[in-house]
Every structure is written in structure tokens, then in C-alpha cells.
Amino acid sequence: LRMRKSRHHALASTVQQHVRRVLGRAVRQN
């Protein structure tokens, strides 16, 4: 929401990649 307002859309991938890494580890270990 903050990035949308500030138009820093390029940083969205940085946030998304972190979440994907966490979820990827979660299913690999469980």
C-alpha cells in the first residue's frame, strides 16, 4: 500500500521474493 502511494513499484519484487522464500522453506520442511 505504501509503495503504491509512493510509486516505488520496483521494490514490490523485493518484498514478494522474501515472502516466497519463507513459504518455500515452510513447505520444504513441512
PDB file of all heavy atoms in Angstrom:
ATOM      1  N   LEU A   1       0.833  -1.201   0.000  1.00  0.00           N
ATOM      2  CA  LEU A   1       0.000   0.000   0.000  1.00  0.00           C
ATOM      3  C   LEU A   1       0.871   1.256   0.000  1.00  0.00           C
ATOM      4  O   LEU A   1       0.601   2.226  -0.706  1.00  0.00           O
ATOM      5  CB  LEU A   1      -0.921  -0.005   1.227  1.00  0.00           C
ATOM      6  CG  LEU A   1      -2.096  -0.982   1.196  1.00  0.00           C
ATOM      7  CD1 LEU A   1      -2.805  -1.013   2.539  1.00  0.00           C
ATOM      8  CD2 LEU A   1      -3.073  -0.603   0.083  1.00  0.00           C
ATOM      9  N   ARG A   2       1.922   1.222   0.782  1.00  0.00           N
ATOM     10  CA  ARG A   2       2.833   2.371   0.832  1.00  0.00           C
ATOM     11  C   ARG A   2       3.569   2.558  -0.493  1.00  0.00           C
ATOM     12  O   ARG A   2       3.746   3.682  -0.956  1.00  0.00           O
ATOM     13  CB  ARG A   2       3.849   2.189   1.967  1.00  0.00           C
ATOM     14  CG  ARG A   2       3.240   2.244   3.359  1.00  0.00           C
ATOM     15  CD  ARG A   2       4.327   2.208   4.410  1.00  0.00           C
ATOM     16  NE  ARG A   2       3.774   2.167   5.753  1.00  0.00           N
ATOM     17  CZ  ARG A   2       4.516   2.181   6.860  1.00  0.00           C
ATOM     18  NH1 ARG A   2       5.849   2.227   6.765  1.00  0.00           N
ATOM     19  NH2 ARG A   2       3.951   2.147   8.040  1.00  0.00           N
ATOM     20  N   MET A   3       4.000   1.457  -1.086  1.00  0.00           N
ATOM     21  CA  MET A   3       4.722   1.554  -2.359  1.00  0.00           C
ATOM     22  C   MET A   3       3.815   2.058  -3.475  1.00  0.00           C
ATOM     23  O   MET A   3       4.251   2.782  -4.358  1.00  0.00           O
ATOM     24  CB  MET A   3       5.319   0.194  -2.723  1.00  0.00           C
ATOM     25  CG  MET A   3       6.552  -0.155  -1.910  1.00  0.00           C
ATOM     26  SD  MET A   3       7.333  -1.705  -2.412  1.00  0.00           S
ATOM     27  CE  MET A   3       6.324  -2.876  -1.520  1.00  0.00           C
ATOM     28  N   ARG A   4       2.552   1.672  -3.414  1.00  0.00           N
ATOM     29  CA  ARG A   4       1.597   2.137  -4.421  1.00  0.00           C
ATOM     30  C   ARG A   4       1.420   3.649  -4.335  1.00  0.00           C
ATOM     31  O   ARG A   4       1.347   4.338  -5.340  1.00  0.00           O
ATOM     32  CB  ARG A   4       0.254   1.424  -4.209  1.00  0.00           C
ATOM     33  CG  ARG A   4      -0.704   1.553  -5.387  1.00  0.00           C
ATOM     34  CD  ARG A   4      -1.917   0.669  -5.148  1.00  0.00           C
ATOM     35  NE  ARG A   4      -1.543  -0.736  -5.039  1.00  0.00           N
ATOM     36  CZ  ARG A   4      -2.144  -1.610  -4.246  1.00  0.00           C
ATOM     37  NH1 ARG A   4      -3.138  -1.228  -3.478  1.00  0.00           N
ATOM     38  NH2 ARG A   4      -1.754  -2.866  -4.233  1.00  0.00           N
ATOM     39  N   LYS A   5       1.366   4.154  -3.118  1.00  0.00           N
ATOM     40  CA  LYS A   5       1.185   5.587  -2.922  1.00  0.00           C
ATOM     41  C   LYS A   5       2.440   6.367  -3.302  1.00  0.00           C
ATOM     42  O   LYS A   5       2.364   7.480  -3.811  1.00  0.00           O
ATOM     43  CB  LYS A   5       0.818   5.876  -1.464  1.00  0.00           C
ATOM     44  CG  LYS A   5      -0.559   5.366  -1.067  1.00  0.00           C
ATOM     45  CD  LYS A   5      -0.840   5.642   0.400  1.00  0.00           C
ATOM     46  CE  LYS A   5      -2.213   5.119   0.806  1.00  0.00           C
ATOM     47  NZ  LYS A   5      -2.487   5.342   2.250  1.00  0.00           N
ATOM     48  N   SER A   6       3.600   5.772  -3.046  1.00  0.00           N
ATOM     49  CA  SER A   6       4.866   6.476  -3.319  1.00  0.00           C
ATOM     50  C   SER A   6       5.424   6.168  -4.701  1.00  0.00           C
ATOM     51  O   SER A   6       6.465   6.706  -5.085  1.00  0.00           O
ATOM     52  CB  SER A   6       5.905   6.096  -2.262  1.00  0.00           C
ATOM     53  OG  SER A   6       6.181   4.712  -2.313  1.00  0.00           O
ATOM     54  N   ARG A   7       4.728   5.276  -5.438  1.00  0.00           N
ATOM     55  CA  ARG A   7       5.122   4.900  -6.806  1.00  0.00           C
ATOM     56  C   ARG A   7       6.455   4.144  -6.867  1.00  0.00           C
ATOM     57  O   ARG A   7       7.116   4.125  -7.908  1.00  0.00           O
ATOM     58  CB  ARG A   7       5.179   6.133  -7.712  1.00  0.00           C
ATOM     59  CG  ARG A   7       3.831   6.843  -7.835  1.00  0.00           C
ATOM     60  CD  ARG A   7       3.950   8.102  -8.668  1.00  0.00           C
ATOM     61  NE  ARG A   7       2.686   8.825  -8.705  1.00  0.00           N
ATOM     62  CZ  ARG A   7       1.748   8.646  -9.627  1.00  0.00           C
ATOM     63  NH1 ARG A   7       1.945   7.776 -10.579  1.00  0.00           N
ATOM     64  NH2 ARG A   7       0.632   9.338  -9.581  1.00  0.00           N
ATOM     65  N   HIS A   8       6.869   3.512  -5.780  1.00  0.00           N
ATOM     66  CA  HIS A   8       8.083   2.696  -5.783  1.00  0.00           C
ATOM     67  C   HIS A   8       7.709   1.247  -6.096  1.00  0.00           C
ATOM     68  O   HIS A   8       7.944   0.330  -5.313  1.00  0.00           O
ATOM     69  CB  HIS A   8       8.789   2.776  -4.418  1.00  0.00           C
ATOM     70  CG  HIS A   8       9.527   4.046  -4.203  1.00  0.00           C
ATOM     71  ND1 HIS A   8      10.721   4.352  -4.835  1.00  0.00           N
ATOM     72  CD2 HIS A   8       9.235   5.121  -3.428  1.00  0.00           C
ATOM     73  CE1 HIS A   8      11.144   5.547  -4.445  1.00  0.00           C
ATOM     74  NE2 HIS A   8      10.252   6.041  -3.600  1.00  0.00           N
ATOM     75  N   HIS A   9       7.137   1.044  -7.276  1.00  0.00           N
ATOM     76  CA  HIS A   9       6.632  -0.287  -7.631  1.00  0.00           C
ATOM     77  C   HIS A   9       7.752  -1.319  -7.797  1.00  0.00           C
ATOM     78  O   HIS A   9       7.539  -2.509  -7.590  1.00  0.00           O
ATOM     79  CB  HIS A   9       5.817  -0.212  -8.921  1.00  0.00           C
ATOM     80  CG  HIS A   9       4.680   0.767  -8.850  1.00  0.00           C
ATOM     81  ND1 HIS A   9       3.632   0.603  -7.987  1.00  0.00           N
ATOM     82  CD2 HIS A   9       4.438   1.925  -9.519  1.00  0.00           C
ATOM     83  CE1 HIS A   9       2.775   1.606  -8.127  1.00  0.00           C
ATOM     84  NE2 HIS A   9       3.250   2.423  -9.051  1.00  0.00           N
ATOM     85  N   ALA A  10       8.933  -0.859  -8.179  1.00  0.00           N
ATOM     86  CA  ALA A  10      10.036  -1.782  -8.438  1.00  0.00           C
ATOM     87  C   ALA A  10      10.437  -2.553  -7.181  1.00  0.00           C
ATOM     88  O   ALA A  10      10.930  -3.687  -7.263  1.00  0.00           O
ATOM     89  CB  ALA A  10      11.239  -1.024  -8.989  1.00  0.00           C
ATOM     90  N   LEU A  11      10.214  -1.949  -6.017  1.00  0.00           N
ATOM     91  CA  LEU A  11      10.606  -2.600  -4.768  1.00  0.00           C
ATOM     92  C   LEU A  11       9.627  -3.702  -4.349  1.00  0.00           C
ATOM     93  O   LEU A  11       9.907  -4.462  -3.432  1.00  0.00           O
ATOM     94  CB  LEU A  11      10.714  -1.559  -3.645  1.00  0.00           C
ATOM     95  CG  LEU A  11      11.927  -0.629  -3.726  1.00  0.00           C
ATOM     96  CD1 LEU A  11      11.818   0.470  -2.684  1.00  0.00           C
ATOM     97  CD2 LEU A  11      13.218  -1.404  -3.543  1.00  0.00           C
ATOM     98  N   ALA A  12       8.482  -3.775  -5.025  1.00  0.00           N
ATOM     99  CA  ALA A  12       7.486  -4.796  -4.669  1.00  0.00           C
ATOM    100  C   ALA A  12       8.067  -6.199  -4.823  1.00  0.00           C
ATOM    101  O   ALA A  12       7.763  -7.101  -4.033  1.00  0.00           O
ATOM    102  CB  ALA A  12       6.252  -4.637  -5.543  1.00  0.00           C
ATOM    103  N   SER A  13       8.919  -6.391  -5.827  1.00  0.00           N
ATOM    104  CA  SER A  13       9.509  -7.713  -6.048  1.00  0.00           C
ATOM    105  C   SER A  13      10.428  -8.112  -4.894  1.00  0.00           C
ATOM    106  O   SER A  13      10.533  -9.295  -4.557  1.00  0.00           O
ATOM    107  CB  SER A  13      10.297  -7.734  -7.360  1.00  0.00           C
ATOM    108  OG  SER A  13      11.358  -6.805  -7.324  1.00  0.00           O
ATOM    109  N   THR A  14      11.085  -7.126  -4.286  1.00  0.00           N
ATOM    110  CA  THR A  14      11.960  -7.409  -3.149  1.00  0.00           C
ATOM    111  C   THR A  14      11.156  -7.989  -1.988  1.00  0.00           C
ATOM    112  O   THR A  14      11.546  -8.978  -1.367  1.00  0.00           O
ATOM    113  CB  THR A  14      12.674  -6.123  -2.683  1.00  0.00           C
ATOM    114  OG1 THR A  14      13.478  -5.616  -3.745  1.00  0.00           O
ATOM    115  CG2 THR A  14      13.554  -6.396  -1.473  1.00  0.00           C
ATOM    116  N   VAL A  15      10.023  -7.364  -1.719  1.00  0.00           N
ATOM    117  CA  VAL A  15       9.146  -7.830  -0.639  1.00  0.00           C
ATOM    118  C   VAL A  15       8.566  -9.200  -0.978  1.00  0.00           C
ATOM    119  O   VAL A  15       8.531 -10.111  -0.146  1.00  0.00           O
ATOM    120  CB  VAL A  15       8.013  -6.811  -0.400  1.00  0.00           C
ATOM    121  CG1 VAL A  15       7.066  -7.305   0.679  1.00  0.00           C
ATOM    122  CG2 VAL A  15       8.588  -5.455  -0.020  1.00  0.00           C
ATOM    123  N   GLN A  16       8.123  -9.346  -2.213  1.00  0.00           N
ATOM    124  CA  GLN A  16       7.498 -10.598  -2.647  1.00  0.00           C
ATOM    125  C   GLN A  16       8.473 -11.764  -2.599  1.00  0.00           C
ATOM    126  O   GLN A  16       8.111 -12.874  -2.195  1.00  0.00           O
ATOM    127  CB  GLN A  16       6.943 -10.430  -4.053  1.00  0.00           C
ATOM    128  CG  GLN A  16       6.021 -11.552  -4.506  1.00  0.00           C
ATOM    129  CD  GLN A  16       5.310 -11.218  -5.802  1.00  0.00           C
ATOM    130  OE1 GLN A  16       5.130 -10.059  -6.136  1.00  0.00           O
ATOM    131  NE2 GLN A  16       4.919 -12.233  -6.532  1.00  0.00           N
ATOM    132  N   GLN A  17       9.704 -11.527  -2.996  1.00  0.00           N
ATOM    133  CA  GLN A  17      10.708 -12.589  -3.000  1.00  0.00           C
ATOM    134  C   GLN A  17      10.985 -13.095  -1.590  1.00  0.00           C
ATOM    135  O   GLN A  17      11.189 -14.300  -1.372  1.00  0.00           O
ATOM    136  CB  GLN A  17      11.995 -12.093  -3.651  1.00  0.00           C
ATOM    137  CG  GLN A  17      11.909 -11.994  -5.164  1.00  0.00           C
ATOM    138  CD  GLN A  17      13.085 -11.244  -5.766  1.00  0.00           C
ATOM    139  OE1 GLN A  17      14.077 -10.968  -5.080  1.00  0.00           O
ATOM    140  NE2 GLN A  17      12.979 -10.897  -7.041  1.00  0.00           N
ATOM    141  N   HIS A  18      10.977 -12.176  -0.626  1.00  0.00           N
ATOM    142  CA  HIS A  18      11.205 -12.595   0.758  1.00  0.00           C
ATOM    143  C   HIS A  18      10.074 -13.506   1.227  1.00  0.00           C
ATOM    144  O   HIS A  18      10.324 -14.558   1.842  1.00  0.00           O
ATOM    145  CB  HIS A  18      11.315 -11.382   1.682  1.00  0.00           C
ATOM    146  CG  HIS A  18      11.464 -11.755   3.126  1.00  0.00           C
ATOM    147  ND1 HIS A  18      12.651 -12.210   3.656  1.00  0.00           N
ATOM    148  CD2 HIS A  18      10.559 -11.781   4.141  1.00  0.00           C
ATOM    149  CE1 HIS A  18      12.476 -12.496   4.934  1.00  0.00           C
ATOM    150  NE2 HIS A  18      11.230 -12.235   5.255  1.00  0.00           N
ATOM    151  N   VAL A  19       8.833 -13.123   0.935  1.00  0.00           N
ATOM    152  CA  VAL A  19       7.691 -13.940   1.343  1.00  0.00           C
ATOM    153  C   VAL A  19       7.760 -15.311   0.670  1.00  0.00           C
ATOM    154  O   VAL A  19       7.508 -16.344   1.301  1.00  0.00           O
ATOM    155  CB  VAL A  19       6.362 -13.248   1.001  1.00  0.00           C
ATOM    156  CG1 VAL A  19       5.183 -14.141   1.356  1.00  0.00           C
ATOM    157  CG2 VAL A  19       6.245 -11.922   1.744  1.00  0.00           C
ATOM    158  N   ARG A  20       8.125 -15.330  -0.599  1.00  0.00           N
ATOM    159  CA  ARG A  20       8.232 -16.601  -1.321  1.00  0.00           C
ATOM    160  C   ARG A  20       9.289 -17.497  -0.691  1.00  0.00           C
ATOM    161  O   ARG A  20       9.106 -18.720  -0.585  1.00  0.00           O
ATOM    162  CB  ARG A  20       8.584 -16.349  -2.792  1.00  0.00           C
ATOM    163  CG  ARG A  20       7.442 -15.815  -3.627  1.00  0.00           C
ATOM    164  CD  ARG A  20       7.920 -15.632  -5.056  1.00  0.00           C
ATOM    165  NE  ARG A  20       6.863 -15.161  -5.934  1.00  0.00           N
ATOM    166  CZ  ARG A  20       7.032 -14.925  -7.231  1.00  0.00           C
ATOM    167  NH1 ARG A  20       8.216 -15.132  -7.801  1.00  0.00           N
ATOM    168  NH2 ARG A  20       6.023 -14.501  -7.976  1.00  0.00           N
ATOM    169  N   ARG A  21      10.398 -16.896  -0.276  1.00  0.00           N
ATOM    170  CA  ARG A  21      11.461 -17.695   0.354  1.00  0.00           C
ATOM    171  C   ARG A  21      10.981 -18.302   1.666  1.00  0.00           C
ATOM    172  O   ARG A  21      11.258 -19.470   1.964  1.00  0.00           O
ATOM    173  CB  ARG A  21      12.706 -16.838   0.573  1.00  0.00           C
ATOM    174  CG  ARG A  21      13.487 -16.512  -0.695  1.00  0.00           C
ATOM    175  CD  ARG A  21      14.863 -15.951  -0.385  1.00  0.00           C
ATOM    176  NE  ARG A  21      14.791 -14.640   0.246  1.00  0.00           N
ATOM    177  CZ  ARG A  21      14.833 -13.488  -0.423  1.00  0.00           C
ATOM    178  NH1 ARG A  21      14.941 -13.488  -1.744  1.00  0.00           N
ATOM    179  NH2 ARG A  21      14.798 -12.340   0.222  1.00  0.00           N
ATOM    180  N   VAL A  22      10.264 -17.510   2.444  1.00  0.00           N
ATOM    181  CA  VAL A  22       9.750 -18.010   3.721  1.00  0.00           C
ATOM    182  C   VAL A  22       8.765 -19.164   3.479  1.00  0.00           C
ATOM    183  O   VAL A  22       8.853 -20.219   4.115  1.00  0.00           O
ATOM    184  CB  VAL A  22       9.053 -16.886   4.521  1.00  0.00           C
ATOM    185  CG1 VAL A  22       8.328 -17.466   5.741  1.00  0.00           C
ATOM    186  CG2 VAL A  22      10.067 -15.835   4.960  1.00  0.00           C
ATOM    187  N   LEU A  23       7.833 -18.971   2.551  1.00  0.00           N
ATOM    188  CA  LEU A  23       6.839 -20.005   2.267  1.00  0.00           C
ATOM    189  C   LEU A  23       7.475 -21.241   1.636  1.00  0.00           C
ATOM    190  O   LEU A  23       7.056 -22.372   1.910  1.00  0.00           O
ATOM    191  CB  LEU A  23       5.750 -19.440   1.353  1.00  0.00           C
ATOM    192  CG  LEU A  23       4.870 -18.346   1.975  1.00  0.00           C
ATOM    193  CD1 LEU A  23       3.895 -17.794   0.933  1.00  0.00           C
ATOM    194  CD2 LEU A  23       4.106 -18.880   3.173  1.00  0.00           C
ATOM    195  N   GLY A  24       8.480 -21.018   0.794  1.00  0.00           N
ATOM    196  CA  GLY A  24       9.185 -22.142   0.183  1.00  0.00           C
ATOM    197  C   GLY A  24       9.873 -23.006   1.227  1.00  0.00           C
ATOM    198  O   GLY A  24       9.809 -24.247   1.183  1.00  0.00           O
ATOM    199  N   ARG A  25      10.535 -22.367   2.183  1.00  0.00           N
ATOM    200  CA  ARG A  25      11.171 -23.111   3.275  1.00  0.00           C
ATOM    201  C   ARG A  25      10.124 -23.832   4.116  1.00  0.00           C
ATOM    202  O   ARG A  25      10.332 -24.964   4.565  1.00  0.00           O
ATOM    203  CB  ARG A  25      11.969 -22.155   4.158  1.00  0.00           C
ATOM    204  CG  ARG A  25      13.246 -21.639   3.500  1.00  0.00           C
ATOM    205  CD  ARG A  25      13.783 -20.444   4.272  1.00  0.00           C
ATOM    206  NE  ARG A  25      13.974 -20.741   5.684  1.00  0.00           N
ATOM    207  CZ  ARG A  25      13.961 -19.800   6.639  1.00  0.00           C
ATOM    208  NH1 ARG A  25      13.741 -18.537   6.335  1.00  0.00           N
ATOM    209  NH2 ARG A  25      14.170 -20.134   7.900  1.00  0.00           N
ATOM    210  N   ALA A  26       8.997 -23.158   4.320  1.00  0.00           N
ATOM    211  CA  ALA A  26       7.938 -23.733   5.154  1.00  0.00           C
ATOM    212  C   ALA A  26       7.446 -25.059   4.600  1.00  0.00           C
ATOM    213  O   ALA A  26       7.324 -26.055   5.338  1.00  0.00           O
ATOM    214  CB  ALA A  26       6.773 -22.745   5.268  1.00  0.00           C
ATOM    215  N   VAL A  27       7.169 -25.111   3.297  1.00  0.00           N
ATOM    216  CA  VAL A  27       6.638 -26.360   2.727  1.00  0.00           C
ATOM    217  C   VAL A  27       7.725 -27.411   2.553  1.00  0.00           C
ATOM    218  O   VAL A  27       7.443 -28.614   2.645  1.00  0.00           O
ATOM    219  CB  VAL A  27       5.911 -26.095   1.381  1.00  0.00           C
ATOM    220  CG1 VAL A  27       4.670 -25.252   1.608  1.00  0.00           C
ATOM    221  CG2 VAL A  27       6.827 -25.430   0.358  1.00  0.00           C
ATOM    222  N   ARG A  28       8.958 -26.983   2.314  1.00  0.00           N
ATOM    223  CA  ARG A  28      10.047 -27.959   2.196  1.00  0.00           C
ATOM    224  C   ARG A  28      10.289 -28.673   3.518  1.00  0.00           C
ATOM    225  O   ARG A  28      10.578 -29.875   3.545  1.00  0.00           O
ATOM    226  CB  ARG A  28      11.333 -27.278   1.732  1.00  0.00           C
ATOM    227  CG  ARG A  28      11.384 -26.953   0.257  1.00  0.00           C
ATOM    228  CD  ARG A  28      12.810 -26.651  -0.199  1.00  0.00           C
ATOM    229  NE  ARG A  28      13.404 -25.551   0.544  1.00  0.00           N
ATOM    230  CZ  ARG A  28      13.274 -24.255   0.214  1.00  0.00           C
ATOM    231  NH1 ARG A  28      12.538 -23.925  -0.838  1.00  0.00           N
ATOM    232  NH2 ARG A  28      13.875 -23.316   0.921  1.00  0.00           N
ATOM    233  N   GLN A  29      10.172 -27.932   4.608  1.00  0.00           N
ATOM    234  CA  GLN A  29      10.436 -28.507   5.919  1.00  0.00           C
ATOM    235  C   GLN A  29       9.205 -29.151   6.552  1.00  0.00           C
ATOM    236  O   GLN A  29       9.311 -29.841   7.574  1.00  0.00           O
ATOM    237  CB  GLN A  29      10.989 -27.426   6.851  1.00  0.00           C
ATOM    238  CG  GLN A  29      12.349 -26.911   6.418  1.00  0.00           C
ATOM    239  CD  GLN A  29      12.892 -25.834   7.349  1.00  0.00           C
ATOM    240  OE1 GLN A  29      12.593 -25.811   8.539  1.00  0.00           O
ATOM    241  NE2 GLN A  29      13.696 -24.927   6.814  1.00  0.00           N
ATOM    242  N   ASN A  30       8.032 -28.906   5.952  1.00  0.00           N
ATOM    243  CA  ASN A  30       6.787 -29.463   6.492  1.00  0.00           C
ATOM    244  C   ASN A  30       5.913 -29.981   5.356  1.00  0.00           C
ATOM    245  O   ASN A  30       4.801 -29.511   5.143  1.00  0.00           O
ATOM    246  CB  ASN A  30       6.034 -28.391   7.285  1.00  0.00           C
ATOM    247  CG  ASN A  30       6.817 -27.852   8.459  1.00  0.00           C
ATOM    248  OD1 ASN A  30       6.789 -28.408   9.552  1.00  0.00           O
ATOM    249  ND2 ASN A  30       7.533 -26.746   8.230  1.00  0.00           N
TER     250      ASN A  30
END
